[in-house]
Amino acid sequence: GFFPNGLKGFLFSLIIVVYAYLGIEIVAVAAGESHNPDTTLPSAIDKVIYRIILFYALAMIVILSIYPFYTKTSIYNYNKCCYNRRFVCMVTYTYYAYEI
C-alpha cells in the first residue's frame, strides 16, 4: 500500500506542507482591499486549493509512479548525497537515464 511504515511519515510530511502554506491568510486580508470581494475572494480561494493539489499532490503522484517508495535507493551508488530523498533521487535517476 501507500503507507508501508504506517501513517507517521505521511503526518510528518503534512506538517511541512502546512508550514509551507501558512501565508494563505493573506488572501483574506487582501479581500478587504479589493474592489469586488464577493467574486474575487471565492475565486482566489479556489485557485489556492487547486495550486496545492497541483504542486504538491500531483508532484508526489508523479514521483511515486516513476520511482516507487518500496525500492531501496539504487541511485545511492551513483550519488552519495541522495540519502533516500525522493525529489533528489528522481532528478538523479532522470539524469543518469539520460546519459545512458
N, C-alpha and C. Protein backbone atom coordinates (compact mmCIF):
# COMPACT_ATOMS: atom_id res chain seq x y z
N GLY A 1 0.80 -1.18 0.00
CA GLY A 1 0.00 0.00 0.00
C GLY A 1 0.86 1.26 0.00
N PHE A 2 0.21 2.37 0.10
CA PHE A 2 0.90 3.66 0.09
C PHE A 2 1.60 3.96 1.40
N PHE A 3 1.23 3.31 2.49
CA PHE A 3 1.82 3.59 3.79
C PHE A 3 2.49 2.34 4.33
N PRO A 4 3.66 1.96 3.82
CA PRO A 4 4.28 0.72 4.27
C PRO A 4 4.78 0.80 5.71
N ASN A 5 5.07 1.98 6.21
CA ASN A 5 5.55 2.15 7.58
C ASN A 5 4.52 2.82 8.47
N GLY A 6 3.28 2.82 8.07
CA GLY A 6 2.23 3.46 8.85
C GLY A 6 2.01 4.90 8.42
N LEU A 7 1.17 5.59 9.14
CA LEU A 7 0.81 6.97 8.80
C LEU A 7 1.80 8.00 9.33
N LYS A 8 2.80 7.57 10.08
CA LYS A 8 3.73 8.51 10.72
C LYS A 8 4.45 9.37 9.69
N GLY A 9 4.97 8.78 8.64
CA GLY A 9 5.68 9.55 7.61
C GLY A 9 4.77 10.53 6.89
N PHE A 10 3.55 10.10 6.61
CA PHE A 10 2.59 10.98 5.96
C PHE A 10 2.24 12.17 6.84
N LEU A 11 2.03 11.92 8.12
CA LEU A 11 1.68 13.01 9.03
C LEU A 11 2.84 13.98 9.21
N PHE A 12 4.07 13.48 9.24
CA PHE A 12 5.22 14.38 9.33
C PHE A 12 5.34 15.23 8.08
N SER A 13 5.07 14.66 6.92
CA SER A 13 5.12 15.47 5.69
C SER A 13 3.98 16.48 5.66
N LEU A 14 2.86 16.16 6.28
CA LEU A 14 1.74 17.09 6.34
C LEU A 14 2.10 18.33 7.17
N ILE A 15 2.90 18.15 8.20
CA ILE A 15 3.36 19.29 9.00
C ILE A 15 4.18 20.24 8.13
N ILE A 16 5.02 19.69 7.29
CA ILE A 16 5.85 20.52 6.40
C ILE A 16 4.97 21.25 5.39
N VAL A 17 3.95 20.58 4.87
CA VAL A 17 3.05 21.21 3.90
C VAL A 17 2.28 22.35 4.56
N VAL A 18 1.79 22.14 5.76
CA VAL A 18 1.07 23.20 6.46
C VAL A 18 1.98 24.39 6.70
N TYR A 19 3.21 24.14 7.08
CA TYR A 19 4.17 25.23 7.29
C TYR A 19 4.43 25.99 5.98
N ALA A 20 4.50 25.25 4.88
CA ALA A 20 4.78 25.89 3.59
C ALA A 20 3.64 26.79 3.13
N TYR A 21 2.41 26.48 3.53
CA TYR A 21 1.26 27.25 3.08
C TYR A 21 0.66 28.12 4.18
N LEU A 22 1.47 28.55 5.14
CA LEU A 22 0.95 29.38 6.23
C LEU A 22 0.54 30.76 5.77
N GLY A 23 1.06 31.27 4.68
CA GLY A 23 0.75 32.61 4.23
C GLY A 23 -0.54 32.74 3.46
N ILE A 24 -1.36 31.72 3.44
CA ILE A 24 -2.59 31.75 2.66
C ILE A 24 -3.59 32.76 3.22
N GLU A 25 -3.48 33.09 4.50
CA GLU A 25 -4.43 34.05 5.08
C GLU A 25 -4.29 35.43 4.47
N ILE A 26 -3.22 35.66 3.74
CA ILE A 26 -3.03 36.93 3.04
C ILE A 26 -4.17 37.14 2.03
N VAL A 27 -4.73 36.06 1.51
CA VAL A 27 -5.86 36.16 0.58
C VAL A 27 -7.04 36.83 1.28
N ALA A 28 -7.31 36.44 2.52
CA ALA A 28 -8.43 37.04 3.26
C ALA A 28 -8.14 38.49 3.62
N VAL A 29 -6.89 38.80 3.95
CA VAL A 29 -6.53 40.18 4.27
C VAL A 29 -6.65 41.06 3.03
N ALA A 30 -6.23 40.54 1.90
CA ALA A 30 -6.30 41.30 0.65
C ALA A 30 -7.74 41.48 0.18
N ALA A 31 -8.66 40.64 0.65
CA ALA A 31 -10.06 40.77 0.23
C ALA A 31 -10.67 42.07 0.71
N GLY A 32 -10.22 42.57 1.84
CA GLY A 32 -10.73 43.83 2.34
C GLY A 32 -10.32 45.01 1.48
N GLU A 33 -9.27 44.86 0.72
CA GLU A 33 -8.78 45.95 -0.12
C GLU A 33 -9.20 45.80 -1.58
N SER A 34 -9.87 44.72 -1.92
CA SER A 34 -10.25 44.51 -3.32
C SER A 34 -11.52 45.29 -3.65
N HIS A 35 -11.73 45.49 -4.95
CA HIS A 35 -12.89 46.26 -5.41
C HIS A 35 -14.19 45.48 -5.28
N ASN A 36 -14.14 44.19 -5.59
CA ASN A 36 -15.35 43.37 -5.56
C ASN A 36 -15.05 42.07 -4.80
N PRO A 37 -15.04 42.11 -3.47
CA PRO A 37 -14.64 40.92 -2.71
C PRO A 37 -15.62 39.75 -2.82
N ASP A 38 -16.86 40.01 -3.21
CA ASP A 38 -17.84 38.92 -3.33
C ASP A 38 -17.46 37.92 -4.42
N THR A 39 -16.82 38.39 -5.46
CA THR A 39 -16.43 37.48 -6.55
C THR A 39 -14.95 37.14 -6.53
N THR A 40 -14.11 38.08 -6.09
CA THR A 40 -12.67 37.81 -6.15
C THR A 40 -12.20 36.88 -5.04
N LEU A 41 -12.80 36.95 -3.86
CA LEU A 41 -12.36 36.10 -2.75
C LEU A 41 -12.64 34.61 -3.00
N PRO A 42 -13.85 34.20 -3.41
CA PRO A 42 -14.05 32.77 -3.71
C PRO A 42 -13.16 32.28 -4.85
N SER A 43 -12.94 33.13 -5.83
CA SER A 43 -12.06 32.75 -6.93
C SER A 43 -10.63 32.55 -6.44
N ALA A 44 -10.15 33.43 -5.58
CA ALA A 44 -8.79 33.31 -5.06
C ALA A 44 -8.64 32.07 -4.18
N ILE A 45 -9.64 31.78 -3.38
CA ILE A 45 -9.58 30.59 -2.51
C ILE A 45 -9.58 29.32 -3.35
N ASP A 46 -10.41 29.28 -4.38
CA ASP A 46 -10.42 28.12 -5.27
C ASP A 46 -9.08 27.93 -5.96
N LYS A 47 -8.48 29.02 -6.40
CA LYS A 47 -7.18 28.92 -7.07
C LYS A 47 -6.10 28.41 -6.13
N VAL A 48 -6.15 28.80 -4.86
CA VAL A 48 -5.16 28.32 -3.89
C VAL A 48 -5.31 26.82 -3.68
N ILE A 49 -6.54 26.35 -3.57
CA ILE A 49 -6.77 24.91 -3.37
C ILE A 49 -6.27 24.13 -4.59
N TYR A 50 -6.56 24.61 -5.78
CA TYR A 50 -6.10 23.93 -6.99
C TYR A 50 -4.58 23.94 -7.08
N ARG A 51 -3.96 25.01 -6.66
CA ARG A 51 -2.50 25.08 -6.71
C ARG A 51 -1.86 24.12 -5.72
N ILE A 52 -2.46 23.96 -4.55
CA ILE A 52 -1.94 22.98 -3.59
C ILE A 52 -2.04 21.58 -4.18
N ILE A 53 -3.18 21.27 -4.78
CA ILE A 53 -3.35 19.96 -5.39
C ILE A 53 -2.36 19.77 -6.53
N LEU A 54 -2.19 20.79 -7.35
CA LEU A 54 -1.30 20.68 -8.50
C LEU A 54 0.15 20.53 -8.08
N PHE A 55 0.62 21.42 -7.22
CA PHE A 55 2.05 21.45 -6.92
C PHE A 55 2.48 20.39 -5.92
N TYR A 56 1.63 19.99 -5.02
CA TYR A 56 2.03 19.01 -4.01
C TYR A 56 1.55 17.61 -4.34
N ALA A 57 0.26 17.44 -4.46
CA ALA A 57 -0.28 16.10 -4.62
C ALA A 57 0.10 15.48 -5.96
N LEU A 58 -0.03 16.23 -7.04
CA LEU A 58 0.33 15.67 -8.34
C LEU A 58 1.83 15.43 -8.47
N ALA A 59 2.63 16.28 -7.86
CA ALA A 59 4.07 16.05 -7.88
C ALA A 59 4.42 14.75 -7.16
N MET A 60 3.78 14.49 -6.03
CA MET A 60 4.02 13.25 -5.30
C MET A 60 3.53 12.03 -6.08
N ILE A 61 2.41 12.16 -6.75
CA ILE A 61 1.89 11.04 -7.55
C ILE A 61 2.84 10.73 -8.70
N VAL A 62 3.33 11.75 -9.36
CA VAL A 62 4.26 11.53 -10.48
C VAL A 62 5.55 10.89 -9.98
N ILE A 63 6.08 11.40 -8.88
CA ILE A 63 7.33 10.84 -8.36
C ILE A 63 7.14 9.40 -7.90
N LEU A 64 6.04 9.10 -7.22
CA LEU A 64 5.80 7.73 -6.78
C LEU A 64 5.52 6.79 -7.94
N SER A 65 4.96 7.29 -9.03
CA SER A 65 4.72 6.41 -10.16
C SER A 65 6.00 6.12 -10.94
N ILE A 66 6.93 7.05 -10.93
CA ILE A 66 8.20 6.82 -11.64
C ILE A 66 9.21 6.12 -10.75
N TYR A 67 9.31 6.54 -9.51
CA TYR A 67 10.29 6.00 -8.58
C TYR A 67 9.55 5.54 -7.33
N PRO A 68 9.09 4.28 -7.29
CA PRO A 68 8.20 3.83 -6.22
C PRO A 68 8.87 3.84 -4.85
N PHE A 69 8.04 3.91 -3.82
CA PHE A 69 8.54 4.05 -2.45
C PHE A 69 9.16 2.77 -1.93
N TYR A 70 8.82 1.62 -2.47
CA TYR A 70 9.29 0.36 -1.92
C TYR A 70 10.67 -0.04 -2.42
N THR A 71 11.25 0.72 -3.34
CA THR A 71 12.60 0.40 -3.81
C THR A 71 13.62 1.04 -2.91
N LYS A 72 14.68 0.32 -2.65
CA LYS A 72 15.80 0.93 -1.94
C LYS A 72 16.50 1.84 -2.92
N THR A 73 17.22 2.77 -2.41
CA THR A 73 17.83 3.79 -3.25
C THR A 73 18.96 3.17 -4.07
N SER A 74 18.64 2.71 -5.28
CA SER A 74 19.67 2.17 -6.14
C SER A 74 20.52 3.28 -6.74
N ILE A 75 20.01 4.49 -6.69
CA ILE A 75 20.76 5.65 -7.17
C ILE A 75 21.89 5.97 -6.20
N TYR A 76 21.81 5.44 -4.99
CA TYR A 76 22.80 5.76 -3.96
C TYR A 76 24.21 5.41 -4.43
N ASN A 77 24.34 4.40 -5.26
CA ASN A 77 25.67 4.04 -5.76
C ASN A 77 26.23 5.13 -6.67
N TYR A 78 25.37 5.83 -7.37
CA TYR A 78 25.83 6.88 -8.27
C TYR A 78 26.08 8.20 -7.54
N ASN A 79 25.20 8.51 -6.62
CA ASN A 79 25.25 9.82 -5.99
C ASN A 79 25.15 9.64 -4.48
N LYS A 80 26.22 9.92 -3.76
CA LYS A 80 26.24 9.67 -2.32
C LYS A 80 25.36 10.64 -1.53
N CYS A 81 24.91 11.73 -2.14
CA CYS A 81 24.11 12.70 -1.39
C CYS A 81 22.61 12.45 -1.54
N CYS A 82 22.21 11.35 -2.13
CA CYS A 82 20.79 11.10 -2.35
C CYS A 82 20.06 10.82 -1.03
N TYR A 83 20.53 9.87 -0.25
CA TYR A 83 20.00 9.54 1.08
C TYR A 83 18.49 9.37 1.11
N ASN A 84 17.94 8.70 0.12
CA ASN A 84 16.53 8.32 0.10
C ASN A 84 15.59 9.53 0.07
N ARG A 85 16.00 10.63 -0.48
CA ARG A 85 15.12 11.78 -0.70
C ARG A 85 14.53 11.63 -2.09
N ARG A 86 13.23 11.56 -2.18
CA ARG A 86 12.57 11.21 -3.44
C ARG A 86 12.81 12.22 -4.55
N PHE A 87 12.71 13.52 -4.26
CA PHE A 87 12.93 14.50 -5.32
C PHE A 87 14.36 14.43 -5.83
N VAL A 88 15.31 14.33 -4.92
CA VAL A 88 16.72 14.26 -5.31
C VAL A 88 16.99 12.99 -6.08
N CYS A 89 16.45 11.88 -5.61
CA CYS A 89 16.64 10.61 -6.31
C CYS A 89 16.01 10.64 -7.69
N MET A 90 14.85 11.28 -7.80
CA MET A 90 14.18 11.35 -9.09
C MET A 90 14.99 12.15 -10.09
N VAL A 91 15.50 13.30 -9.67
CA VAL A 91 16.31 14.12 -10.57
C VAL A 91 17.59 13.38 -10.94
N THR A 92 18.21 12.72 -9.96
CA THR A 92 19.42 11.95 -10.23
C THR A 92 19.12 10.80 -11.17
N TYR A 93 18.00 10.12 -10.96
CA TYR A 93 17.61 8.99 -11.80
C TYR A 93 17.40 9.44 -13.24
N THR A 94 16.71 10.54 -13.45
CA THR A 94 16.49 11.01 -14.82
C THR A 94 17.78 11.48 -15.46
N TYR A 95 18.68 12.03 -14.66
CA TYR A 95 19.97 12.48 -15.20
C TYR A 95 20.77 11.29 -15.70
N TYR A 96 20.87 10.22 -14.91
CA TYR A 96 21.65 9.06 -15.31
C TYR A 96 20.94 8.26 -16.40
N ALA A 97 19.63 8.27 -16.42
CA ALA A 97 18.91 7.60 -17.50
C ALA A 97 19.13 8.32 -18.82
N TYR A 98 19.28 9.64 -18.77
CA TYR A 98 19.53 10.42 -19.97
C TYR A 98 20.94 10.18 -20.49
N GLU A 99 21.90 9.95 -19.59
CA GLU A 99 23.28 9.71 -20.01
C GLU A 99 23.44 8.38 -20.72
N ILE A 100 22.67 7.39 -20.32
CA ILE A 100 22.79 6.04 -20.90
C ILE A 100 22.19 6.05 -22.26
